[in-house]
Amino acid sequence: MSISCANSVRPPFMTLPRAPAQCRSSTESSPSHLGGLSRDLVFAAILCAVGVSASPAQPQASTPGRTSSFTASPFTGFHEPMVEALLYNPPANEVPWKEPDKSETTTRKIETILVVSGKGLPDGAYRLTYRIESGEQLLHAGAGEVSAAYGGFELVVTLGRNYPGATRVSYELEGEKRAAVRGHAALRWSRFRGQVKYLDDRWRSTYAKLHPNGFASAALFYVPIGDDGRFDAWLPARVYSVINVNGAGYSRDAMERWAWDYDLTRDREEVFSIGRTELYAMHAFNIVGGPQTVFVAFRPTALSRVLQFDADGDGRVSDGERKAMMAAMKLSPTVIGPELQAADVTVWINGVPQKIAQFNQIPEYDGDFWQVQYLLQFLPEPRLAYGVWHEIKLEVRSKENLRGKESIDFGQGSVGLWRK
């Protein structure tokens, strides 16, 4: 078993692909989290995040055998400590993986993960004792040191096996000169299933990873995807900050699929389509107290534009070639981002097509270089209910030319909208 802990402080700048393990200790051997699945370093300096905020509360419609669940709102004033427990039992503990430039197939491990996090505590050091239980029956017990900052803490534990019969996690937080905090956190799951499709109909080894608490958190759940593109797993029921679906061809012949603020408080079935464009940093919001207008911001990256810097033609951008790309990005926001018009973008909300009323290109300044953001507006039909999660899906297509060969680079992405 290995333990990671993180407080609620967000680093001001971080690169993807993996969530940091900020405070890690080990009491048993700790298999890595699919370490070989990290994205190519070509975008380590480009695709960055300042953190993804926790998502507001949304009650879940009950399904047979499961009660309603809630995720915490950042607008909530905590007068008593609130503790959440997430237990991920992966459907498989191993998955085959093949890199496009390797002849052999390797095996990657997928871990059973327990996440215990809390809000509303006095800042300081605590010892957290936890028990995974099925009713009153003890299944597993452990402990870890956590540090609360700005009222929040997080403990991530890698377990050696699944606990499918678990129903709750009992916990006790003990801090110096503080009264102990004790309680039970119910465990609830939603079914997450569907299929991944590549637009060129070529399959690559692929995975989905879910960040429940954003990139600044050590919590990360990997979902295996079969060679037929299908996946089926039970995930802790909550709203996830980020879902990333990625494959072994990333930045060579395909990009990746992102879903932001993803409502998994209910069972979901998805078809994720992956092409040569990715839609990163998606954010949706409405005018508070005004008209129904919805805004969606997103940053697209087109592979054909990235590979313009592949000077030696080996199919990837090396460190030296990336320097030339970064130098060009200091001069223009559309070096690797496509130039889009409203006609190049299709938008749906809750599965219903929408008409774009306004579409704007916005240069995004990243401190030393530029990228491109687009901001679109639409007036949703039918009108949206307040205080519930809605989902917006975008698809974009841009005409590109890579060394005289024309292509249509396609990208798909989605983002949740909490209607205020």
Protein backbone atom coordinates (compact mmCIF):
# COMPACT_ATOMS: atom_id res chain seq x y z
CA MET A 1 0.00 0.00 0.00
CA SER A 2 1.25 3.48 -0.78
CA ILE A 3 -0.11 6.78 0.48
CA SER A 4 -0.13 10.21 -1.14
CA CYS A 5 -1.38 13.35 0.52
CA ALA A 6 -2.06 16.79 -0.85
CA ASN A 7 -3.58 19.91 0.61
CA SER A 8 -5.80 22.36 -1.20
CA VAL A 9 -3.02 24.76 -2.27
CA ARG A 10 -2.73 24.96 -6.08
CA PRO A 11 0.69 25.49 -7.67
CA PRO A 12 0.63 28.63 -9.81
CA PHE A 13 1.80 26.76 -12.90
CA MET A 14 1.93 23.10 -13.72
CA THR A 15 2.41 20.95 -16.77
CA LEU A 16 0.43 17.87 -17.71
CA PRO A 17 0.13 14.86 -17.96
CA ARG A 18 0.19 13.34 -14.49
CA ALA A 19 -1.16 14.48 -11.17
CA PRO A 20 1.62 15.22 -8.68
CA ALA A 21 2.29 13.03 -5.66
CA GLN A 22 3.17 15.86 -3.32
CA CYS A 23 3.59 13.91 -0.07
CA ARG A 24 4.20 10.21 -0.66
CA SER A 25 5.23 7.52 1.77
CA SER A 26 5.20 3.78 1.33
CA THR A 27 4.35 0.93 3.66
CA GLU A 28 4.40 -1.69 0.87
CA SER A 29 5.78 -1.87 -2.64
CA SER A 30 3.92 0.68 -4.73
CA PRO A 31 3.31 -0.16 -8.40
CA SER A 32 3.36 2.90 -10.59
CA HIS A 33 0.21 4.56 -12.01
CA LEU A 34 0.68 3.53 -15.66
CA GLY A 35 3.84 5.60 -15.72
CA GLY A 36 4.52 4.72 -19.34
CA LEU A 37 1.26 6.28 -20.43
CA SER A 38 2.41 9.88 -19.98
CA ARG A 39 1.91 12.18 -22.91
CA ASP A 40 4.85 13.02 -25.13
CA LEU A 41 7.05 15.79 -23.76
CA VAL A 42 6.36 17.83 -26.86
CA PHE A 43 3.57 19.62 -24.99
CA ALA A 44 5.06 19.68 -21.50
CA ALA A 45 5.77 23.38 -21.86
CA ILE A 46 2.62 24.16 -23.81
CA LEU A 47 -0.47 22.52 -22.34
CA CYS A 48 -0.59 23.91 -18.84
CA ALA A 49 -3.17 24.57 -16.19
CA VAL A 50 -3.56 26.89 -13.25
CA GLY A 51 -5.82 24.32 -11.59
CA VAL A 52 -9.40 23.19 -12.01
CA SER A 53 -11.77 24.25 -9.27
CA ALA A 54 -14.02 21.88 -7.41
CA SER A 55 -17.47 21.62 -8.91
CA PRO A 56 -20.65 22.87 -7.25
CA ALA A 57 -23.20 20.60 -5.64
CA GLN A 58 -25.55 18.50 -7.71
CA PRO A 59 -27.91 15.90 -6.27
CA GLN A 60 -27.91 12.60 -8.10
CA ALA A 61 -31.09 10.98 -9.31
CA SER A 62 -31.39 7.70 -7.44
CA THR A 63 -31.07 4.40 -9.25
CA PRO A 64 -32.11 1.02 -7.83
CA GLY A 65 -29.93 0.01 -4.91
CA ARG A 66 -28.24 3.39 -4.58
CA THR A 67 -29.15 6.51 -2.64
CA SER A 68 -28.62 10.08 -3.76
CA SER A 69 -25.13 11.54 -3.53
CA PHE A 70 -23.80 15.08 -3.50
CA THR A 71 -20.56 16.81 -4.40
CA ALA A 72 -19.38 19.78 -2.39
CA SER A 73 -19.95 23.31 -3.64
CA PRO A 74 -17.05 25.80 -3.40
CA PHE A 75 -19.68 28.34 -2.33
CA THR A 76 -20.60 26.35 0.77
CA GLY A 77 -19.67 27.82 4.15
CA PHE A 78 -18.50 24.85 6.22
CA HIS A 79 -19.46 25.20 9.87
CA GLU A 80 -18.58 21.58 10.61
CA PRO A 81 -15.86 19.48 8.95
CA MET A 82 -17.09 17.54 5.92
CA VAL A 83 -15.23 14.42 4.76
CA GLU A 84 -15.64 12.62 1.41
CA ALA A 85 -14.39 9.11 0.61
CA LEU A 86 -13.92 7.78 -2.93
CA LEU A 87 -13.07 4.13 -3.56
CA TYR A 88 -12.18 3.05 -7.10
CA ASN A 89 -12.24 -0.69 -7.79
CA PRO A 90 -10.87 -1.02 -11.34
CA PRO A 91 -12.51 -3.64 -13.60
CA ALA A 92 -9.04 -5.02 -14.38
CA ASN A 93 -5.73 -4.72 -12.57
CA GLU A 94 -3.60 -5.13 -15.69
CA VAL A 95 -3.87 -3.78 -19.23
CA PRO A 96 -1.76 -4.50 -22.35
CA TRP A 97 0.00 -1.51 -23.85
CA LYS A 98 1.87 -1.10 -27.13
CA GLU A 99 3.81 1.96 -28.22
CA PRO A 100 3.66 2.65 -31.98
CA ASP A 101 7.44 2.48 -32.37
CA LYS A 102 7.87 -0.71 -30.31
CA SER A 103 7.39 -4.29 -31.49
CA GLU A 104 6.62 -5.77 -28.09
CA THR A 105 3.48 -5.36 -25.99
CA THR A 106 3.94 -4.55 -22.31
CA THR A 107 1.61 -4.90 -19.34
CA ARG A 108 0.62 -1.97 -17.16
CA LYS A 109 -0.90 -2.15 -13.71
CA ILE A 110 -4.05 -0.31 -12.68
CA GLU A 111 -4.39 0.31 -8.97
CA THR A 112 -7.28 0.21 -6.54
CA ILE A 113 -7.44 3.72 -5.09
CA LEU A 114 -8.95 5.19 -1.93
CA VAL A 115 -9.24 8.97 -1.63
CA VAL A 116 -10.24 10.60 1.65
CA SER A 117 -10.56 14.39 1.54
CA GLY A 118 -12.10 17.01 3.76
CA LYS A 119 -13.07 20.64 4.13
CA GLY A 120 -13.81 22.90 7.05
CA LEU A 121 -10.96 21.95 9.38
CA PRO A 122 -8.54 24.25 11.20
CA ASP A 123 -5.23 24.37 9.36
CA GLY A 124 -2.48 22.15 10.69
CA ALA A 125 -1.19 18.59 10.91
CA TYR A 126 -3.48 15.62 11.56
CA ARG A 127 -3.26 11.89 11.79
CA LEU A 128 -6.05 10.28 9.79
CA THR A 129 -7.14 6.76 10.69
CA TYR A 130 -9.57 5.12 8.27
CA ARG A 131 -11.51 1.87 8.00
CA ILE A 132 -13.09 0.48 4.84
CA GLU A 133 -16.22 -1.31 5.97
CA SER A 134 -19.14 -3.31 4.66
CA GLY A 135 -21.82 -2.35 7.13
CA GLU A 136 -20.20 -3.11 10.48
CA GLN A 137 -17.68 -5.56 8.99
CA LEU A 138 -14.08 -4.35 8.72
CA LEU A 139 -12.51 -4.93 5.28
CA HIS A 140 -9.33 -2.87 5.51
CA ALA A 141 -7.77 -0.38 7.94
CA GLY A 142 -4.95 2.11 7.63
CA ALA A 143 -3.65 5.51 8.64
CA GLY A 144 -1.70 8.44 7.24
CA GLU A 145 -0.44 11.89 8.11
CA VAL A 146 -2.25 14.79 6.44
CA SER A 147 -1.89 18.54 6.55
CA ALA A 148 -4.92 20.81 6.26
CA ALA A 149 -4.33 24.09 4.43
CA TYR A 150 -7.08 26.63 3.80
CA GLY A 151 -9.35 24.19 5.60
CA GLY A 152 -8.79 21.28 3.22
CA PHE A 153 -6.80 18.04 3.07
CA GLU A 154 -6.52 15.00 0.84
CA LEU A 155 -5.16 11.51 1.41
CA VAL A 156 -4.65 9.14 -1.54
CA VAL A 157 -4.02 5.48 -0.76
CA THR A 158 -3.02 2.79 -3.24
CA LEU A 159 -4.55 -0.50 -2.10
CA GLY A 160 -3.43 -4.00 -2.99
CA ARG A 161 -6.86 -5.36 -3.97
CA ASN A 162 -10.46 -4.42 -4.77
CA TYR A 163 -13.17 -4.10 -2.14
CA PRO A 164 -16.41 -4.49 -4.13
CA GLY A 165 -18.51 -5.09 -1.00
CA ALA A 166 -17.51 -1.86 0.74
CA THR A 167 -20.31 0.47 1.77
CA ARG A 168 -18.58 3.18 3.81
CA VAL A 169 -15.32 4.53 5.18
CA SER A 170 -15.10 5.32 8.89
CA TYR A 171 -12.52 7.92 9.82
CA GLU A 172 -10.91 9.71 12.75
CA LEU A 173 -8.82 12.87 12.47
CA GLU A 174 -6.60 13.71 15.42
CA GLY A 175 -4.67 16.96 15.63
CA GLU A 176 -2.51 18.39 18.39
CA LYS A 177 -4.62 20.38 20.88
CA ARG A 178 -7.71 19.84 18.76
CA ALA A 179 -10.79 17.74 19.39
CA ALA A 180 -10.84 14.57 17.31
CA VAL A 181 -13.17 14.50 14.30
CA ARG A 182 -14.92 11.18 13.71
CA GLY A 183 -17.54 9.98 11.31
CA HIS A 184 -18.57 7.77 8.39
CA ALA A 185 -18.45 8.60 4.67
CA ALA A 186 -20.81 6.59 2.48
CA LEU A 187 -19.41 5.03 -0.70
CA ARG A 188 -21.42 5.38 -3.92
CA TRP A 189 -20.62 4.58 -7.53
CA SER A 190 -21.88 5.36 -11.02
CA ARG A 191 -21.43 3.21 -14.10
CA PHE A 192 -19.13 4.74 -16.71
CA ARG A 193 -19.18 2.88 -20.00
CA GLY A 194 -19.00 3.43 -23.73
CA GLN A 195 -16.59 3.37 -26.64
CA VAL A 196 -13.59 5.29 -27.95
CA LYS A 197 -13.36 5.81 -31.71
CA TYR A 198 -10.51 7.22 -33.78
CA LEU A 199 -11.50 9.17 -36.86
CA ASP A 200 -8.93 7.36 -39.02
CA ASP A 201 -10.32 3.96 -37.89
CA ARG A 202 -6.88 2.86 -36.66
CA TRP A 203 -6.75 1.53 -33.11
CA ARG A 204 -4.03 2.49 -30.64
CA SER A 205 -3.56 1.36 -27.06
CA THR A 206 -5.78 3.82 -25.19
CA TYR A 207 -6.82 4.68 -21.67
CA ALA A 208 -9.07 7.12 -19.83
CA LYS A 209 -7.95 8.86 -16.67
CA LEU A 210 -10.25 10.77 -14.35
CA HIS A 211 -9.19 13.59 -12.03
CA PRO A 212 -11.82 14.00 -9.31
CA ASN A 213 -10.20 17.09 -7.81
CA GLY A 214 -8.25 18.72 -10.63
CA PHE A 215 -4.62 18.66 -11.70
CA ALA A 216 -3.32 19.92 -8.34
CA SER A 217 -4.61 16.76 -6.67
CA ALA A 218 -2.79 13.43 -6.43
CA ALA A 219 -6.09 11.57 -6.91
CA LEU A 220 -6.30 9.88 -10.30
CA PHE A 221 -8.38 6.94 -11.55
CA TYR A 222 -7.34 4.97 -14.66
CA VAL A 223 -10.02 3.17 -16.69
CA PRO A 224 -8.82 0.42 -19.05
CA ILE A 225 -10.08 0.45 -22.64
CA GLY A 226 -10.18 -2.76 -24.67
CA ASP A 227 -8.83 -3.25 -28.18
CA ASP A 228 -12.42 -2.95 -29.44
CA GLY A 229 -12.50 0.56 -27.97
CA ARG A 230 -15.02 -0.32 -25.27
CA PHE A 231 -14.83 0.46 -21.57
CA ASP A 232 -17.06 -0.32 -18.59
CA ALA A 233 -16.22 0.62 -15.01
CA TRP A 234 -17.88 1.71 -11.78
CA LEU A 235 -16.46 5.04 -10.65
CA PRO A 236 -17.04 6.93 -7.38
CA ALA A 237 -20.17 9.02 -7.96
CA ARG A 238 -19.30 12.72 -8.17
CA VAL A 239 -18.56 15.54 -10.60
CA TYR A 240 -15.05 15.06 -12.02
CA SER A 241 -12.89 18.08 -12.74
CA VAL A 242 -11.25 16.49 -15.78
CA ILE A 243 -11.42 13.34 -17.89
CA ASN A 244 -8.62 12.71 -20.38
CA VAL A 245 -8.87 9.99 -23.06
CA ASN A 246 -5.52 9.43 -24.71
CA GLY A 247 -3.66 6.86 -26.76
CA ALA A 248 -0.22 5.68 -27.82
CA GLY A 249 -0.40 7.75 -31.00
CA TYR A 250 -0.63 11.05 -29.15
CA SER A 251 1.12 13.95 -30.93
CA ARG A 252 2.16 11.62 -33.77
CA ASP A 253 -1.00 10.73 -35.65
CA ALA A 254 -3.79 11.69 -33.22
CA MET A 255 -4.46 14.08 -30.36
CA GLU A 256 -6.68 13.42 -27.33
CA ARG A 257 -10.23 13.85 -26.03
CA TRP A 258 -11.01 16.00 -22.99
CA ALA A 259 -14.16 16.25 -20.84
CA TRP A 260 -14.28 19.01 -18.23
CA ASP A 261 -16.54 19.29 -15.16
CA TYR A 262 -18.01 15.89 -15.98
CA ASP A 263 -21.17 14.93 -14.10
CA LEU A 264 -20.77 11.31 -13.02
CA THR A 265 -23.28 11.52 -10.19
CA ARG A 266 -25.41 9.37 -12.50
CA ASP A 267 -24.72 6.45 -14.84
CA ARG A 268 -23.25 7.58 -18.17
CA GLU A 269 -22.69 5.97 -21.57
CA GLU A 270 -20.38 7.83 -23.96
CA VAL A 271 -18.82 7.69 -27.39
CA PHE A 272 -15.53 9.61 -27.31
CA SER A 273 -14.22 10.53 -30.79
CA ILE A 274 -10.53 11.33 -31.24
CA GLY A 275 -9.05 13.09 -34.26
CA ARG A 276 -6.13 15.39 -35.01
CA THR A 277 -7.32 18.33 -32.88
CA GLU A 278 -7.79 18.52 -29.13
CA LEU A 279 -9.96 21.01 -27.25
CA TYR A 280 -8.17 21.98 -24.07
CA ALA A 281 -9.06 24.26 -21.15
CA MET A 282 -12.81 24.26 -21.88
CA HIS A 283 -14.91 26.43 -19.60
CA ALA A 284 -18.64 27.19 -19.73
CA PHE A 285 -20.53 29.89 -17.87
CA ASN A 286 -23.71 31.94 -18.08
CA ILE A 287 -24.61 35.55 -17.35
CA VAL A 288 -25.54 35.61 -13.68
CA GLY A 289 -28.85 37.38 -13.20
CA GLY A 290 -29.14 38.38 -16.84
CA PRO A 291 -30.28 36.71 -20.05
CA GLN A 292 -30.01 32.98 -20.71
CA THR A 293 -26.86 33.40 -22.86
CA VAL A 294 -24.20 30.70 -22.41
CA PHE A 295 -20.50 31.29 -23.07
CA VAL A 296 -17.97 28.55 -23.89
CA ALA A 297 -14.22 29.15 -24.02
CA PHE A 298 -11.78 26.58 -25.42
CA ARG A 299 -8.20 26.30 -26.69
CA PRO A 300 -7.76 24.03 -29.76
CA THR A 301 -4.47 22.52 -30.89
CA ALA A 302 -4.21 21.03 -34.40
CA LEU A 303 -1.71 18.24 -34.97
CA SER A 304 -1.03 19.31 -38.57
CA ARG A 305 0.23 22.66 -37.26
CA VAL A 306 2.37 21.01 -34.58
CA LEU A 307 4.02 18.68 -37.10
CA GLN A 308 5.04 21.65 -39.26
CA PHE A 309 7.97 21.78 -36.82
CA ASP A 310 8.94 18.14 -37.38
CA ALA A 311 11.93 19.16 -39.49
CA ASP A 312 13.48 15.68 -39.84
CA GLY A 313 10.15 14.04 -40.71
CA ASP A 314 10.36 11.33 -38.02
CA GLY A 315 6.75 11.91 -36.98
CA ARG A 316 7.38 13.72 -33.73
CA VAL A 317 8.65 17.07 -32.49
CA SER A 318 12.00 16.66 -30.76
CA ASP A 319 13.40 18.93 -28.04
CA GLY A 320 15.40 20.90 -30.58
CA GLU A 321 12.43 21.23 -32.93
CA ARG A 322 10.25 22.31 -30.02
CA LYS A 323 12.56 25.29 -29.44
CA ALA A 324 11.74 26.53 -32.94
CA MET A 325 8.04 26.00 -32.25
CA MET A 326 8.20 27.94 -28.99
CA ALA A 327 10.05 30.78 -30.70
CA ALA A 328 7.28 30.99 -33.33
CA MET A 329 4.62 30.97 -30.61
CA LYS A 330 6.06 34.18 -29.21
CA LEU A 331 4.96 35.91 -32.42
CA SER A 332 1.50 34.49 -33.15
CA PRO A 333 -1.32 32.77 -31.21
CA THR A 334 -2.24 30.45 -34.11
CA VAL A 335 1.10 28.72 -34.63
CA ILE A 336 -0.30 25.42 -33.32
CA GLY A 337 -3.92 26.50 -32.87
CA PRO A 338 -6.24 26.38 -35.89
CA GLU A 339 -7.92 29.49 -37.29
CA LEU A 340 -11.63 28.85 -36.86
CA GLN A 341 -14.87 30.54 -37.84
CA ALA A 342 -18.28 29.88 -36.35
CA ALA A 343 -19.11 27.67 -39.34
CA ASP A 344 -16.24 25.34 -38.33
CA VAL A 345 -17.77 24.63 -34.92
CA THR A 346 -20.82 22.56 -33.95
CA VAL A 347 -22.27 22.88 -30.44
CA TRP A 348 -24.85 20.84 -28.52
CA ILE A 349 -26.26 21.23 -25.03
CA ASN A 350 -27.81 18.18 -23.41
CA GLY A 351 -27.71 16.55 -26.86
CA VAL A 352 -29.67 19.34 -28.61
CA PRO A 353 -27.92 21.29 -31.43
CA GLN A 354 -27.52 25.02 -30.78
CA LYS A 355 -27.04 28.07 -32.99
CA ILE A 356 -23.87 30.09 -32.36
CA ALA A 357 -24.76 33.76 -31.96
CA GLN A 358 -21.24 35.16 -31.56
CA PHE A 359 -17.77 33.70 -32.12
CA ASN A 360 -14.55 35.46 -31.14
CA GLN A 361 -10.85 34.66 -31.35
CA ILE A 362 -8.89 35.71 -28.24
CA PRO A 363 -5.08 35.58 -28.00
CA GLU A 364 -4.10 33.75 -24.80
CA TYR A 365 -0.91 35.04 -23.18
CA ASP A 366 1.01 32.34 -21.33
CA GLY A 367 3.82 34.47 -19.92
CA ASP A 368 6.37 33.96 -22.69
CA PHE A 369 4.33 32.81 -25.69
CA TRP A 370 0.86 32.98 -27.19
CA GLN A 371 -1.88 30.45 -27.86
CA VAL A 372 -5.39 30.90 -29.18
CA GLN A 373 -8.65 30.78 -27.26
CA TYR A 374 -12.09 30.95 -28.83
CA LEU A 375 -15.16 32.28 -27.04
CA LEU A 376 -18.56 31.39 -28.43
CA GLN A 377 -22.04 32.45 -27.28
CA PHE A 378 -25.42 30.84 -27.80
CA LEU A 379 -28.93 31.27 -26.42
CA PRO A 380 -29.92 27.75 -25.32
CA GLU A 381 -33.07 26.14 -26.63
CA PRO A 382 -34.86 24.75 -24.76
CA ARG A 383 -34.21 27.05 -21.82
CA LEU A 384 -32.01 25.62 -19.08
CA ALA A 385 -33.08 24.76 -15.56
CA TYR A 386 -31.22 26.47 -12.73
CA GLY A 387 -29.16 24.65 -10.13
CA VAL A 388 -28.46 21.51 -12.16
CA TRP A 389 -25.65 20.26 -14.35
CA HIS A 390 -25.93 20.53 -18.13
CA GLU A 391 -23.41 19.22 -20.67
CA ILE A 392 -22.06 21.08 -23.68
CA LYS A 393 -20.30 19.22 -26.49
CA LEU A 394 -18.23 20.84 -29.24
CA GLU A 395 -16.84 19.50 -32.50
CA VAL A 396 -14.45 21.53 -34.63
CA ARG A 397 -13.01 21.03 -38.11
CA SER A 398 -10.22 23.06 -39.67
CA LYS A 399 -8.63 22.88 -43.12
CA GLU A 400 -4.91 22.29 -42.71
CA ASN A 401 -1.96 21.78 -45.03
CA LEU A 402 1.05 19.75 -43.92
CA ARG A 403 3.90 19.77 -46.45
CA GLY A 404 1.54 20.14 -49.38
CA LYS A 405 -0.97 17.54 -48.15
CA GLU A 406 -4.37 18.93 -47.25
CA SER A 407 -6.41 17.52 -44.38
CA ILE A 408 -9.39 18.27 -42.19
CA ASP A 409 -8.27 18.20 -38.57
CA PHE A 410 -11.20 17.17 -36.34
CA GLY A 411 -11.57 17.64 -32.60
CA GLN A 412 -14.25 16.88 -30.02
CA GLY A 413 -14.59 18.02 -26.42
CA SER A 414 -17.18 18.57 -23.72
CA VAL A 415 -17.72 20.63 -20.60
CA GLY A 416 -20.27 20.75 -17.82
CA LEU A 417 -22.29 23.86 -17.06
CA TRP A 418 -23.78 24.56 -13.64
CA ARG A 419 -26.63 26.97 -14.38
CA LYS A 420 -26.55 29.78 -11.82
